[in-house]
Protein backbone atom coordinates (compact mmCIF):
# COMPACT_ATOMS: atom_id res chain seq x y z
CA MET A 1 124.90 -25.47 114.64
CA ALA A 2 123.22 -28.52 116.51
CA VAL A 3 125.62 -29.66 119.49
CA LYS A 4 127.67 -33.04 118.82
CA THR A 5 126.66 -35.33 121.11
CA HIS A 6 128.95 -38.24 122.08
CA VAL A 7 126.88 -40.72 123.98
CA TRP A 8 129.66 -42.44 125.83
CA ILE A 9 130.12 -38.78 127.39
CA SER A 10 126.59 -38.61 128.04
CA LEU A 11 126.80 -42.55 130.08
CA TRP A 12 129.79 -41.32 132.08
CA PHE A 13 128.33 -38.02 133.28
CA LEU A 14 125.05 -39.78 133.80
CA LEU A 15 126.19 -43.15 135.41
CA THR A 16 128.82 -41.39 137.67
CA ALA A 17 126.52 -38.82 139.14
CA PRO A 18 124.80 -40.91 141.87
CA VAL A 19 128.06 -42.28 142.48
CA ILE A 20 129.88 -39.17 143.20
CA PHE A 21 126.91 -37.90 145.56
CA TRP A 22 126.81 -41.20 147.56
CA ASP A 23 130.71 -40.17 148.00
CA VAL A 24 129.85 -36.84 148.41
CA SER A 25 127.29 -37.59 151.01
CA TYR A 26 129.87 -40.25 153.04
CA CYS A 27 132.69 -37.61 153.39
CA PHE A 28 130.13 -34.97 154.62
CA MET A 29 127.99 -37.14 157.36
CA ARG A 30 131.34 -38.53 158.81
CA PRO A 31 131.67 -39.76 161.40
CA ARG A 32 127.78 -40.92 161.33
CA SER A 33 128.33 -42.52 158.08
CA MET A 34 131.39 -44.31 159.05
CA VAL A 35 132.36 -47.56 161.03
CA GLY A 36 130.34 -47.47 164.12
CA GLY A 37 127.99 -44.55 163.06
CA ASP A 38 123.88 -45.12 163.09
CA LEU A 39 123.94 -44.54 159.40
CA HIS A 40 126.72 -46.48 158.25
CA TRP A 41 124.69 -48.83 156.68
CA ILE A 42 124.14 -46.69 153.90
CA TRP A 43 127.89 -46.64 153.26
CA GLU A 44 128.55 -50.32 154.24
CA PRO A 45 131.09 -50.40 151.68
CA TYR A 46 133.45 -47.65 153.16
CA GLY A 47 133.76 -49.68 156.12
CA LEU A 48 136.50 -51.74 153.90
CA TYR A 49 137.42 -48.26 151.75
CA GLN A 50 138.35 -46.24 155.16
CA GLU A 51 140.70 -48.90 156.20
CA ILE A 52 142.33 -49.09 152.64
CA ASP A 53 142.41 -45.07 151.87
CA TYR A 54 143.02 -43.10 155.58
CA VAL A 55 141.62 -39.85 153.49
CA TYR A 56 138.34 -41.76 154.23
CA GLY A 57 139.35 -42.98 157.82
CA VAL A 58 139.21 -41.99 161.51
CA GLU A 59 142.23 -40.70 161.18
CA SER A 60 141.83 -37.98 158.65
CA LEU A 61 138.73 -36.79 160.64
CA GLN A 62 140.26 -36.84 164.23
CA ARG A 63 143.17 -34.50 163.19
CA ASN A 64 140.44 -32.39 161.29
CA ASP A 65 141.90 -32.84 157.78
CA GLY A 66 140.06 -30.71 155.52
CA PHE A 67 140.69 -32.30 152.07
CA PRO A 68 138.02 -34.37 152.03
CA ASN A 69 135.48 -32.26 152.31
CA ALA A 70 136.98 -29.88 150.16
CA GLN A 71 137.05 -32.73 147.32
CA SER A 72 133.82 -33.50 147.86
CA LEU A 73 132.54 -29.73 147.50
CA MET A 74 134.28 -30.03 144.09
CA ASN A 75 132.65 -33.11 143.31
CA ILE A 76 129.35 -31.08 143.98
CA ILE A 77 130.32 -28.34 141.69
CA GLU A 78 131.82 -30.77 138.83
CA THR A 79 128.73 -33.21 139.26
CA LEU A 80 126.34 -30.19 138.62
CA LEU A 81 128.77 -29.04 135.68
CA ASN A 82 128.32 -32.72 134.19
CA LEU A 83 124.25 -32.43 134.69
CA THR A 84 123.91 -28.80 132.80
CA TYR A 85 126.33 -30.40 130.05
CA LEU A 86 123.81 -33.49 129.82
CA TYR A 87 120.68 -30.62 129.73
CA PHE A 88 122.49 -28.35 127.37
CA THR A 89 123.51 -31.31 125.20
CA HIS A 90 120.40 -33.34 125.33
CA VAL A 91 117.27 -30.99 126.44
CA SER A 92 117.78 -27.20 125.18
CA GLY A 93 120.55 -27.70 122.44
CA ALA A 94 122.93 -24.69 123.75
CA THR A 95 125.71 -24.77 121.94
CA VAL A 96 128.04 -24.05 125.18
CA ALA A 97 127.35 -27.61 126.08
CA PRO A 98 130.91 -28.95 124.96
CA LEU A 99 132.44 -26.01 126.79
CA ILE A 100 130.54 -26.93 130.24
CA GLY A 101 131.71 -30.77 129.42
CA PHE A 102 134.93 -29.14 129.01
CA ALA A 103 135.40 -27.39 132.00
CA ALA A 104 133.79 -29.70 134.23
CA ALA A 105 135.92 -33.20 133.03
CA THR A 106 139.37 -30.79 133.40
CA MET A 107 138.21 -29.95 137.13
CA THR A 108 137.47 -33.81 137.64
CA LEU A 109 141.08 -34.90 135.76
CA SER A 110 143.19 -32.64 137.68
CA LYS A 111 141.61 -32.89 141.14
CA THR A 112 141.98 -37.04 140.83
CA VAL A 113 145.63 -35.82 139.84
CA LEU A 114 146.09 -33.68 142.45
CA TYR A 115 144.84 -36.42 144.85
CA TRP A 116 147.42 -38.72 143.50
CA VAL A 117 150.18 -36.50 143.40
CA GLN A 118 149.49 -35.63 147.14
CA GLU A 119 149.56 -38.98 147.72
CA PHE A 120 152.95 -39.39 146.16
CA TYR A 121 154.46 -36.24 148.14
CA CYS A 122 153.57 -37.51 151.09
CA GLY A 123 155.04 -40.52 151.04
CA TRP A 124 152.12 -42.74 150.07
CA CYS A 125 150.82 -41.64 153.92
CA ALA A 126 147.13 -42.73 153.38
CA THR A 127 147.78 -45.70 151.44
CA GLY A 128 151.15 -46.91 151.91
CA HIS A 129 149.89 -49.25 154.23
CA ASN A 130 148.29 -51.39 151.74
CA ASP A 131 149.88 -54.55 150.22
CA LEU A 132 150.17 -54.32 146.12
CA GLY A 133 147.50 -56.19 145.49
CA THR A 134 144.79 -54.28 147.52
CA LEU A 135 146.21 -50.78 146.43
CA LEU A 136 145.91 -51.85 142.96
CA VAL A 137 142.38 -53.34 142.92
CA TYR A 138 140.74 -50.95 145.59
CA TRP A 139 142.87 -47.53 144.94
CA VAL A 140 144.61 -47.60 141.63
CA LEU A 141 141.83 -49.24 139.60
CA PRO A 142 138.68 -47.48 140.63
CA ASN A 143 141.00 -43.91 140.80
CA GLY A 144 142.42 -44.51 137.56
CA LEU A 145 139.10 -44.38 136.11
CA TRP A 146 138.60 -41.01 137.11
CA ILE A 147 141.92 -40.22 135.12
CA VAL A 148 141.17 -42.13 132.08
CA PHE A 149 137.74 -41.01 131.28
CA PRO A 150 137.96 -37.30 131.85
CA SER A 151 141.16 -37.31 130.15
CA LEU A 152 139.44 -39.01 126.82
CA ILE A 153 136.17 -36.48 127.83
CA VAL A 154 138.97 -33.40 127.43
CA TYR A 155 140.55 -34.59 124.63
CA THR A 156 137.20 -35.21 122.66
CA LEU A 157 135.49 -31.91 123.63
CA GLY A 158 138.49 -30.00 122.77
CA LYS A 159 138.75 -31.29 119.50
CA ASP A 160 135.12 -30.44 118.72
CA ILE A 161 135.63 -27.03 120.33
CA ALA A 162 138.67 -26.61 118.16
CA ALA A 163 136.76 -27.84 114.92
CA ALA A 164 133.55 -25.33 115.94
CA LEU A 165 136.27 -22.34 116.36
CA GLY A 166 137.70 -23.35 113.25
CA ALA A 167 134.55 -23.18 111.22
CA ALA A 168 133.45 -20.11 112.59
CA GLN A 169 136.68 -18.57 111.79
CA GLN A 170 136.40 -19.88 107.91
CA ARG A 171 132.61 -18.54 108.28
CA ALA A 172 134.16 -15.22 109.32
CA ILE A 173 136.81 -14.83 106.87
CA LYS A 174 133.98 -15.97 104.10
CA ALA A 175 131.85 -13.48 105.18
CA THR A 176 134.39 -10.72 105.33
CA LEU A 177 135.89 -11.56 101.58
CA GLY A 178 132.58 -11.70 100.46
CA LYS A 179 131.58 -7.75 102.08
CA LYS A 180 135.04 -6.78 99.71
CA ASN A 181 133.47 -7.92 96.59
């Protein structure tokens, strides 16, 4: 049975890979990637972002907060799984592709929800200093995409996996009944 493909899922995985690796490299290269660092020119937009989300800022680095780099390590794993999904779907045709994509999107969704919930439970300790407009444009909207799209991917690939399992079950039942006759 051929692997069912969804162009929008493939595009999401493909287009987000460089964005994620750019973000990962910013976190792993701190303080050199931060404002005042010799490599900051590569991550110029983060000069603003480190002031909006303190997890990316100087305070987090100074207190040796492990969350940004732990999240970045998980981002690498998720992205490698995303790229594996693309390879299995579009190159090798491996039937395990939907499961890989489902697992990767579940990881992304879970980690992003954790990021938001952590912020809620600490009293908006990293973003609460922003006005509502800044928070919505620079934190809620971009981070919300990492909830919306992975949720849709989990739903879509989950349906595909359930359908494939149902079809396999029906074939097994027919094969068993065929042997009895």
